[in-house]
């Protein structure tokens, strides 16, 4: 489904659009450009939120890793290939 809208663009933008979009395909190009822009913004926003979350929880995560390190090390030593299990 499509819907007609009116937009205002700078003359320079329209000149570039006329050079790259074949006659009758402005709408498709503008639609693709808007969707691409929004997809990029969404990815940037997600990356930013993930980074902020990781930084906010870094101390907590480090504490958990330190708590479990000795147990992980013990299990790894028991299951190493070529080593007998120590009991």
PDB file of N, CA and C in Angstrom:
ATOM      1  N   UNK A   1       0.848  -1.174   0.000  1.00  0.00           N
ATOM      2  CA  UNK A   1       0.000   0.000   0.000  1.00  0.00           C
ATOM      3  C   UNK A   1       0.893   1.237   0.000  1.00  0.00           C
ATOM      4  N   UNK A   2       0.506   2.226  -0.690  1.00  0.00           N
ATOM      5  CA  UNK A   2       1.261   3.475  -0.742  1.00  0.00           C
ATOM      6  C   UNK A   2       0.342   4.632  -0.385  1.00  0.00           C
ATOM      7  N   UNK A   3       0.972   5.737  -0.013  1.00  0.00           N
ATOM      8  CA  UNK A   3       0.212   6.944   0.310  1.00  0.00           C
ATOM      9  C   UNK A   3       0.998   8.140  -0.204  1.00  0.00           C
ATOM     10  N   UNK A   4       0.324   9.055  -0.823  1.00  0.00           N
ATOM     11  CA  UNK A   4       0.959  10.249  -1.364  1.00  0.00           C
ATOM     12  C   UNK A   4       1.127  11.273  -0.250  1.00  0.00           C
ATOM     13  N   UNK A   5       2.342  11.865  -0.184  1.00  0.00           N
ATOM     14  CA  UNK A   5       2.613  12.941   0.765  1.00  0.00           C
ATOM     15  C   UNK A   5       3.364  14.043   0.022  1.00  0.00           C
ATOM     16  N   UNK A   6       3.385  15.197   0.609  1.00  0.00           N
ATOM     17  CA  UNK A   6       4.177  16.301   0.066  1.00  0.00           C
ATOM     18  C   UNK A   6       5.346  16.536   1.016  1.00  0.00           C
ATOM     19  N   UNK A   7       6.537  16.633   0.447  1.00  0.00           N
ATOM     20  CA  UNK A   7       7.718  16.939   1.250  1.00  0.00           C
ATOM     21  C   UNK A   7       8.460  18.097   0.602  1.00  0.00           C
ATOM     22  N   UNK A   8       9.256  18.767   1.383  1.00  0.00           N
ATOM     23  CA  UNK A   8      10.051  19.878   0.884  1.00  0.00           C
ATOM     24  C   UNK A   8      11.517  19.482   1.040  1.00  0.00           C
ATOM     25  N   UNK A   9      12.267  19.552  -0.055  1.00  0.00           N
ATOM     26  CA  UNK A   9      13.691  19.213  -0.055  1.00  0.00           C
ATOM     27  C   UNK A   9      14.490  20.380  -0.604  1.00  0.00           C
ATOM     28  N   UNK A  10      15.729  20.519  -0.168  1.00  0.00           N
ATOM     29  CA  UNK A  10      16.580  21.556  -0.764  1.00  0.00           C
ATOM     30  C   UNK A  10      16.795  21.281  -2.254  1.00  0.00           C
ATOM     31  N   UNK A  11      16.992  22.336  -3.008  1.00  0.00           N
ATOM     32  CA  UNK A  11      17.188  22.225  -4.456  1.00  0.00           C
ATOM     33  C   UNK A  11      18.365  21.300  -4.761  1.00  0.00           C
ATOM     34  N   UNK A  12      19.447  21.400  -3.984  1.00  0.00           N
ATOM     35  CA  UNK A  12      20.627  20.563  -4.213  1.00  0.00           C
ATOM     36  C   UNK A  12      20.282  19.074  -4.064  1.00  0.00           C
ATOM     37  N   UNK A  13      19.447  18.767  -3.098  1.00  0.00           N
ATOM     38  CA  UNK A  13      19.046  17.375  -2.884  1.00  0.00           C
ATOM     39  C   UNK A  13      18.240  16.870  -4.075  1.00  0.00           C
ATOM     40  N   UNK A  14      17.357  17.687  -4.577  1.00  0.00           N
ATOM     41  CA  UNK A  14      16.544  17.292  -5.730  1.00  0.00           C
ATOM     42  C   UNK A  14      17.424  17.107  -6.961  1.00  0.00           C
ATOM     43  N   UNK A  15      18.422  17.941  -7.123  1.00  0.00           N
ATOM     44  CA  UNK A  15      19.330  17.793  -8.260  1.00  0.00           C
ATOM     45  C   UNK A  15      20.083  16.463  -8.185  1.00  0.00           C
ATOM     46  N   UNK A  16      20.553  16.110  -7.008  1.00  0.00           N
ATOM     47  CA  UNK A  16      21.237  14.823  -6.839  1.00  0.00           C
ATOM     48  C   UNK A  16      20.259  13.690  -7.088  1.00  0.00           C
ATOM     49  N   UNK A  17      19.066  13.810  -6.561  1.00  0.00           N
ATOM     50  CA  UNK A  17      18.038  12.780  -6.741  1.00  0.00           C
ATOM     51  C   UNK A  17      17.732  12.578  -8.223  1.00  0.00           C
ATOM     52  N   UNK A  18      17.632  13.660  -8.973  1.00  0.00           N
ATOM     53  CA  UNK A  18      17.352  13.561 -10.412  1.00  0.00           C
ATOM     54  C   UNK A  18      18.500  12.878 -11.157  1.00  0.00           C
ATOM     55  N   UNK A  19      19.745  13.055 -10.674  1.00  0.00           N
ATOM     56  CA  UNK A  19      20.888  12.421 -11.336  1.00  0.00           C
ATOM     57  C   UNK A  19      20.949  10.921 -11.061  1.00  0.00           C
ATOM     58  N   UNK A  20      20.535  10.488  -9.883  1.00  0.00           N
ATOM     59  CA  UNK A  20      20.713   9.068  -9.518  1.00  0.00           C
ATOM     60  C   UNK A  20      19.453   8.224  -9.660  1.00  0.00           C
ATOM     61  N   UNK A  21      18.302   8.851  -9.684  1.00  0.00           N
ATOM     62  CA  UNK A  21      17.050   8.086  -9.769  1.00  0.00           C
ATOM     63  C   UNK A  21      16.479   8.197 -11.174  1.00  0.00           C
ATOM     64  N   UNK A  22      16.276   7.059 -11.827  1.00  0.00           N
ATOM     65  CA  UNK A  22      15.632   7.107 -13.141  1.00  0.00           C
ATOM     66  C   UNK A  22      14.246   7.739 -13.030  1.00  0.00           C
ATOM     67  N   UNK A  23      13.805   8.302 -14.109  1.00  0.00           N
ATOM     68  CA  UNK A  23      12.488   8.949 -14.140  1.00  0.00           C
ATOM     69  C   UNK A  23      11.417   8.012 -13.579  1.00  0.00           C
ATOM     70  N   UNK A  24      10.627   8.515 -12.671  1.00  0.00           N
ATOM     71  CA  UNK A  24       9.529   7.735 -12.099  1.00  0.00           C
ATOM     72  C   UNK A  24       9.918   6.863 -10.914  1.00  0.00           C
ATOM     73  N   UNK A  25      11.184   6.926 -10.471  1.00  0.00           N
ATOM     74  CA  UNK A  25      11.569   6.059  -9.354  1.00  0.00           C
ATOM     75  C   UNK A  25      12.050   6.846  -8.132  1.00  0.00           C
ATOM     76  N   UNK A  26      11.744   8.111  -8.078  1.00  0.00           N
ATOM     77  CA  UNK A  26      12.123   8.922  -6.917  1.00  0.00           C
ATOM     78  C   UNK A  26      11.565   8.338  -5.624  1.00  0.00           C
ATOM     79  N   UNK A  27      10.306   7.992  -5.653  1.00  0.00           N
ATOM     80  CA  UNK A  27       9.657   7.497  -4.433  1.00  0.00           C
ATOM     81  C   UNK A  27      10.343   6.243  -3.903  1.00  0.00           C
ATOM     82  N   UNK A  28      10.690   5.321  -4.812  1.00  0.00           N
ATOM     83  CA  UNK A  28      11.368   4.091  -4.374  1.00  0.00           C
ATOM     84  C   UNK A  28      12.726   4.400  -3.761  1.00  0.00           C
ATOM     85  N   UNK A  29      13.449   5.318  -4.398  1.00  0.00           N
ATOM     86  CA  UNK A  29      14.762   5.677  -3.884  1.00  0.00           C
ATOM     87  C   UNK A  29      14.645   6.351  -2.520  1.00  0.00           C
ATOM     88  N   UNK A  30      13.737   7.290  -2.393  1.00  0.00           N
ATOM     89  CA  UNK A  30      13.556   7.982  -1.115  1.00  0.00           C
ATOM     90  C   UNK A  30      13.120   6.984  -0.039  1.00  0.00           C
ATOM     91  N   UNK A  31      12.212   6.081  -0.370  1.00  0.00           N
ATOM     92  CA  UNK A  31      11.770   5.071   0.590  1.00  0.00           C
ATOM     93  C   UNK A  31      12.925   4.189   1.032  1.00  0.00           C
ATOM     94  N   UNK A  32      13.735   3.715   0.069  1.00  0.00           N
ATOM     95  CA  UNK A  32      14.884   2.872   0.400  1.00  0.00           C
ATOM     96  C   UNK A  32      15.881   3.633   1.267  1.00  0.00           C
ATOM     97  N   UNK A  33      16.099   4.914   0.937  1.00  0.00           N
ATOM     98  CA  UNK A  33      17.049   5.728   1.697  1.00  0.00           C
ATOM     99  C   UNK A  33      16.573   5.936   3.139  1.00  0.00           C
ATOM    100  N   UNK A  34      15.298   6.218   3.307  1.00  0.00           N
ATOM    101  CA  UNK A  34      14.748   6.426   4.652  1.00  0.00           C
ATOM    102  C   UNK A  34      14.836   5.142   5.464  1.00  0.00           C
ATOM    103  N   UNK A  35      14.465   4.012   4.858  1.00  0.00           N
ATOM    104  CA  UNK A  35      14.527   2.740   5.575  1.00  0.00           C
ATOM    105  C   UNK A  35      15.966   2.378   5.943  1.00  0.00           C
ATOM    106  N   UNK A  36      16.899   2.620   5.026  1.00  0.00           N
ATOM    107  CA  UNK A  36      18.312   2.354   5.307  1.00  0.00           C
ATOM    108  C   UNK A  36      18.803   3.229   6.464  1.00  0.00           C
ATOM    109  N   UNK A  37      18.458   4.484   6.425  1.00  0.00           N
ATOM    110  CA  UNK A  37      18.861   5.422   7.474  1.00  0.00           C
ATOM    111  C   UNK A  37      18.333   4.967   8.834  1.00  0.00           C
ATOM    112  N   UNK A  38      17.066   4.608   8.872  1.00  0.00           N
ATOM    113  CA  UNK A  38      16.467   4.188  10.141  1.00  0.00           C
ATOM    114  C   UNK A  38      17.073   2.884  10.645  1.00  0.00           C
ATOM    115  N   UNK A  39      17.389   1.975   9.740  1.00  0.00           N
ATOM    116  CA  UNK A  39      18.032   0.713  10.130  1.00  0.00           C
ATOM    117  C   UNK A  39      19.413   0.993  10.738  1.00  0.00           C
ATOM    118  N   UNK A  40      20.157   1.880  10.112  1.00  0.00           N
ATOM    119  CA  UNK A  40      21.488   2.244  10.638  1.00  0.00           C
ATOM    120  C   UNK A  40      21.366   2.905  12.000  1.00  0.00           C
ATOM    121  N   UNK A  41      20.408   3.805  12.142  1.00  0.00           N
ATOM    122  CA  UNK A  41      20.199   4.472  13.429  1.00  0.00           C
ATOM    123  C   UNK A  41      19.822   3.452  14.504  1.00  0.00           C
ATOM    124  N   UNK A  42      18.974   2.482  14.147  1.00  0.00           N
ATOM    125  CA  UNK A  42      18.561   1.463  15.121  1.00  0.00           C
ATOM    126  C   UNK A  42      19.770   0.633  15.558  1.00  0.00           C
ATOM    127  N   UNK A  43      20.645   0.273  14.612  1.00  0.00           N
ATOM    128  CA  UNK A  43      21.843  -0.498  14.958  1.00  0.00           C
ATOM    129  C   UNK A  43      22.769   0.313  15.847  1.00  0.00           C
ATOM    130  N   UNK A  44      22.947   1.584  15.508  1.00  0.00           N
ATOM    131  CA  UNK A  44      23.791   2.457  16.326  1.00  0.00           C
ATOM    132  C   UNK A  44      23.224   2.590  17.739  1.00  0.00           C
ATOM    133  N   UNK A  45      21.908   2.742  17.823  1.00  0.00           N
ATOM    134  CA  UNK A  45      21.255   2.882  19.118  1.00  0.00           C
ATOM    135  C   UNK A  45      21.413   1.598  19.942  1.00  0.00           C
ATOM    136  N   UNK A  46      21.248   0.448  19.300  1.00  0.00           N
ATOM    137  CA  UNK A  46      21.405  -0.820  20.005  1.00  0.00           C
ATOM    138  C   UNK A  46      22.838  -0.980  20.502  1.00  0.00           C
ATOM    139  N   UNK A  47      23.810  -0.671  19.657  1.00  0.00           N
ATOM    140  CA  UNK A  47      25.218  -0.779  20.059  1.00  0.00           C
ATOM    141  C   UNK A  47      25.502   0.145  21.241  1.00  0.00           C
ATOM    142  N   UNK A  48      24.963   1.339  21.202  1.00  0.00           N
ATOM    143  CA  UNK A  48      25.152   2.297  22.294  1.00  0.00           C
ATOM    144  C   UNK A  48      24.544   1.773  23.585  1.00  0.00           C
ATOM    145  N   UNK A  49      23.327   1.237  23.504  1.00  0.00           N
ATOM    146  CA  UNK A  49      22.660   0.712  24.700  1.00  0.00           C
ATOM    147  C   UNK A  49      23.389  -0.503  25.258  1.00  0.00           C
ATOM    148  N   UNK A  50      23.898  -1.378  24.379  1.00  0.00           N
ATOM    149  CA  UNK A  50      24.651  -2.540  24.846  1.00  0.00           C
ATOM    150  C   UNK A  50      25.936  -2.106  25.544  1.00  0.00           C
ATOM    151  N   UNK A  51      26.619  -1.130  24.979  1.00  0.00           N
ATOM    152  CA  UNK A  51      27.855  -0.630  25.587  1.00  0.00           C
ATOM    153  C   UNK A  51      27.566  -0.008  26.948  1.00  0.00           C
ATOM    154  N   UNK A  52      26.526   0.812  27.019  1.00  0.00           N
ATOM    155  CA  UNK A  52      26.169   1.443  28.291  1.00  0.00           C
ATOM    156  C   UNK A  52      25.822   0.387  29.346  1.00  0.00           C
ATOM    157  N   UNK A  53      25.097  -0.644  28.928  1.00  0.00           N
ATOM    158  CA  UNK A  53      24.737  -1.716  29.859  1.00  0.00           C
ATOM    159  C   UNK A  53      25.958  -2.478  30.337  1.00  0.00           C
ATOM    160  N   UNK A  54      26.869  -2.752  29.413  1.00  0.00           N
ATOM    161  CA  UNK A  54      28.087  -3.475  29.781  1.00  0.00           C
ATOM    162  C   UNK A  54      28.920  -2.654  30.755  1.00  0.00           C
ATOM    163  N   UNK A  55      29.045  -1.366  30.499  1.00  0.00           N
ATOM    164  CA  UNK A  55      29.816  -0.502  31.392  1.00  0.00           C
ATOM    165  C   UNK A  55      29.141  -0.366  32.759  1.00  0.00           C
ATOM    166  N   UNK A  56      27.827  -0.274  32.751  1.00  0.00           N
ATOM    167  CA  UNK A  56      27.089  -0.124  34.009  1.00  0.00           C
ATOM    168  C   UNK A  56      27.212  -1.368  34.891  1.00  0.00           C
ATOM    169  N   UNK A  57      27.357  -2.539  34.278  1.00  0.00           N
ATOM    170  CA  UNK A  57      27.403  -3.789  35.040  1.00  0.00           C
ATOM    171  C   UNK A  57      28.795  -4.404  35.096  1.00  0.00           C
ATOM    172  N   UNK A  58      29.808  -3.665  34.679  1.00  0.00           N
ATOM    173  CA  UNK A  58      31.163  -4.226  34.611  1.00  0.00           C
ATOM    174  C   UNK A  58      31.663  -4.705  35.967  1.00  0.00           C
ATOM    175  N   UNK A  59      31.484  -3.910  36.994  1.00  0.00           N
ATOM    176  CA  UNK A  59      31.955  -4.303  38.332  1.00  0.00           C
ATOM    177  C   UNK A  59      31.238  -5.552  38.825  1.00  0.00           C
ATOM    178  N   UNK A  60      29.926  -5.588  38.642  1.00  0.00           N
ATOM    179  CA  UNK A  60      29.148  -6.755  39.065  1.00  0.00           C
ATOM    180  C   UNK A  60      29.617  -8.001  38.319  1.00  0.00           C
ATOM    181  N   UNK A  61      29.790  -7.886  37.008  1.00  0.00           N
ATOM    182  CA  UNK A  61      30.198  -9.033  36.195  1.00  0.00           C
ATOM    183  C   UNK A  61      31.598  -9.512  36.558  1.00  0.00           C
ATOM    184  N   UNK A  62      32.485  -8.573  36.848  1.00  0.00           N
ATOM    185  CA  UNK A  62      33.837  -8.937  37.260  1.00  0.00           C
ATOM    186  C   UNK A  62      33.795  -9.687  38.593  1.00  0.00           C
ATOM    187  N   UNK A  63      32.975  -9.231  39.516  1.00  0.00           N
ATOM    188  CA  UNK A  63      32.832  -9.912  40.808  1.00  0.00           C
ATOM    189  C   UNK A  63      32.327 -11.336  40.647  1.00  0.00           C
ATOM    190  N   UNK A  64      31.344 -11.526  39.792  1.00  0.00           N
ATOM    191  CA  UNK A  64      30.803 -12.869  39.538  1.00  0.00           C
ATOM    192  C   UNK A  64      31.878 -13.761  38.929  1.00  0.00           C
ATOM    193  N   UNK A  65      32.612 -13.235  37.958  1.00  0.00           N
ATOM    194  CA  UNK A  65      33.672 -14.012  37.317  1.00  0.00           C
ATOM    195  C   UNK A  65      34.738 -14.413  38.327  1.00  0.00           C
ATOM    196  N   UNK A  66      35.098 -13.501  39.214  1.00  0.00           N
ATOM    197  CA  UNK A  66      36.106 -13.810  40.220  1.00  0.00           C
ATOM    198  C   UNK A  66      35.603 -14.865  41.205  1.00  0.00           C
ATOM    199  N   UNK A  67      34.322 -14.789  41.570  1.00  0.00           N
ATOM    200  CA  UNK A  67      33.736 -15.771  42.495  1.00  0.00           C
ATOM    201  C   UNK A  67      33.788 -17.178  41.918  1.00  0.00           C
ATOM    202  N   UNK A  68      33.531 -17.299  40.623  1.00  0.00           N
ATOM    203  CA  UNK A  68      33.417 -18.611  40.000  1.00  0.00           C
ATOM    204  C   UNK A  68      34.728 -19.104  39.386  1.00  0.00           C
ATOM    205  N   UNK A  69      35.754 -18.278  39.357  1.00  0.00           N
ATOM    206  CA  UNK A  69      36.990 -18.647  38.682  1.00  0.00           C
ATOM    207  C   UNK A  69      37.593 -19.935  39.225  1.00  0.00           C
ATOM    208  N   UNK A  70      37.683 -20.067  40.536  1.00  0.00           N
ATOM    209  CA  UNK A  70      38.324 -21.259  41.110  1.00  0.00           C
ATOM    210  C   UNK A  70      37.559 -22.526  40.744  1.00  0.00           C
ATOM    211  N   UNK A  71      36.245 -22.473  40.760  1.00  0.00           N
ATOM    212  CA  UNK A  71      35.447 -23.648  40.381  1.00  0.00           C
ATOM    213  C   UNK A  71      35.647 -23.967  38.902  1.00  0.00           C
ATOM    214  N   UNK A  72      35.617 -22.953  38.049  1.00  0.00           N
ATOM    215  CA  UNK A  72      35.853 -23.168  36.621  1.00  0.00           C
ATOM    216  C   UNK A  72      37.224 -23.784  36.388  1.00  0.00           C
ATOM    217  N   UNK A  73      38.217 -23.282  37.083  1.00  0.00           N
ATOM    218  CA  UNK A  73      39.579 -23.789  36.936  1.00  0.00           C
ATOM    219  C   UNK A  73      39.661 -25.250  37.359  1.00  0.00           C
ATOM    220  N   UNK A  74      38.994 -25.575  38.450  1.00  0.00           N
ATOM    221  CA  UNK A  74      38.995 -26.962  38.949  1.00  0.00           C
ATOM    222  C   UNK A  74      38.352 -27.908  37.935  1.00  0.00           C
ATOM    223  N   UNK A  75      37.226 -27.533  37.399  1.00  0.00           N
ATOM    224  CA  UNK A  75      36.532 -28.368  36.418  1.00  0.00           C
ATOM    225  C   UNK A  75      37.372 -28.495  35.155  1.00  0.00           C
ATOM    226  N   UNK A  76      37.977 -27.407  34.722  1.00  0.00           N
ATOM    227  CA  UNK A  76      38.803 -27.441  33.520  1.00  0.00           C
ATOM    228  C   UNK A  76      39.976 -28.392  33.721  1.00  0.00           C
ATOM    229  N   UNK A  77      40.602 -28.346  34.873  1.00  0.00           N
ATOM    230  CA  UNK A  77      41.738 -29.236  35.149  1.00  0.00           C
ATOM    231  C   UNK A  77      41.300 -30.702  35.113  1.00  0.00           C
ATOM    232  N   UNK A  78      40.112 -30.990  35.606  1.00  0.00           N
ATOM    233  CA  UNK A  78      39.606 -32.368  35.623  1.00  0.00           C
ATOM    234  C   UNK A  78      39.277 -32.886  34.230  1.00  0.00           C
ATOM    235  N   UNK A  79      38.895 -32.015  33.351  1.00  0.00           N
ATOM    236  CA  UNK A  79      38.397 -32.453  32.037  1.00  0.00           C
ATOM    237  C   UNK A  79      39.384 -32.205  30.912  1.00  0.00           C
ATOM    238  N   UNK A  80      40.593 -31.780  31.218  1.00  0.00           N
ATOM    239  CA  UNK A  80      41.586 -31.547  30.165  1.00  0.00           C
ATOM    240  C   UNK A  80      41.901 -32.844  29.451  1.00  0.00           C
ATOM    241  N   UNK A  81      41.940 -32.809  28.122  1.00  0.00           N
ATOM    242  CA  UNK A  81      42.308 -34.006  27.361  1.00  0.00           C
ATOM    243  C   UNK A  81      43.718 -34.455  27.733  1.00  0.00           C
ATOM    244  N   UNK A  82      43.910 -35.762  27.873  1.00  0.00           N
ATOM    245  CA  UNK A  82      45.223 -36.308  28.172  1.00  0.00           C
ATOM    246  C   UNK A  82      45.559 -36.319  29.645  1.00  0.00           C
ATOM    247  N   UNK A  83      44.690 -35.784  30.462  1.00  0.00           N
ATOM    248  CA  UNK A  83      44.921 -35.773  31.914  1.00  0.00           C
ATOM    249  C   UNK A  83      43.924 -36.707  32.584  1.00  0.00           C
ATOM    250  N   UNK A  84      44.418 -37.388  33.603  1.00  0.00           N
ATOM    251  CA  UNK A  84      43.495 -38.208  34.393  1.00  0.00           C
ATOM    252  C   UNK A  84      42.731 -37.332  35.348  1.00  0.00           C
ATOM    253  N   UNK A  85      41.528 -37.704  35.606  1.00  0.00           N
ATOM    254  CA  UNK A  85      40.713 -36.951  36.551  1.00  0.00           C
ATOM    255  C   UNK A  85      41.299 -37.090  37.930  1.00  0.00           C
ATOM    256  N   UNK A  86      41.456 -36.004  38.643  1.00  0.00           N
ATOM    257  CA  UNK A  86      41.974 -36.003  39.997  1.00  0.00           C
ATOM    258  C   UNK A  86      40.795 -36.043  40.939  1.00  0.00           C
ATOM    259  N   UNK A  87      40.835 -36.984  41.868  1.00  0.00           N
ATOM    260  CA  UNK A  87      39.722 -37.100  42.822  1.00  0.00           C
ATOM    261  C   UNK A  87      40.201 -37.051  44.221  1.00  0.00           C
TER     262      UNK A  87
END
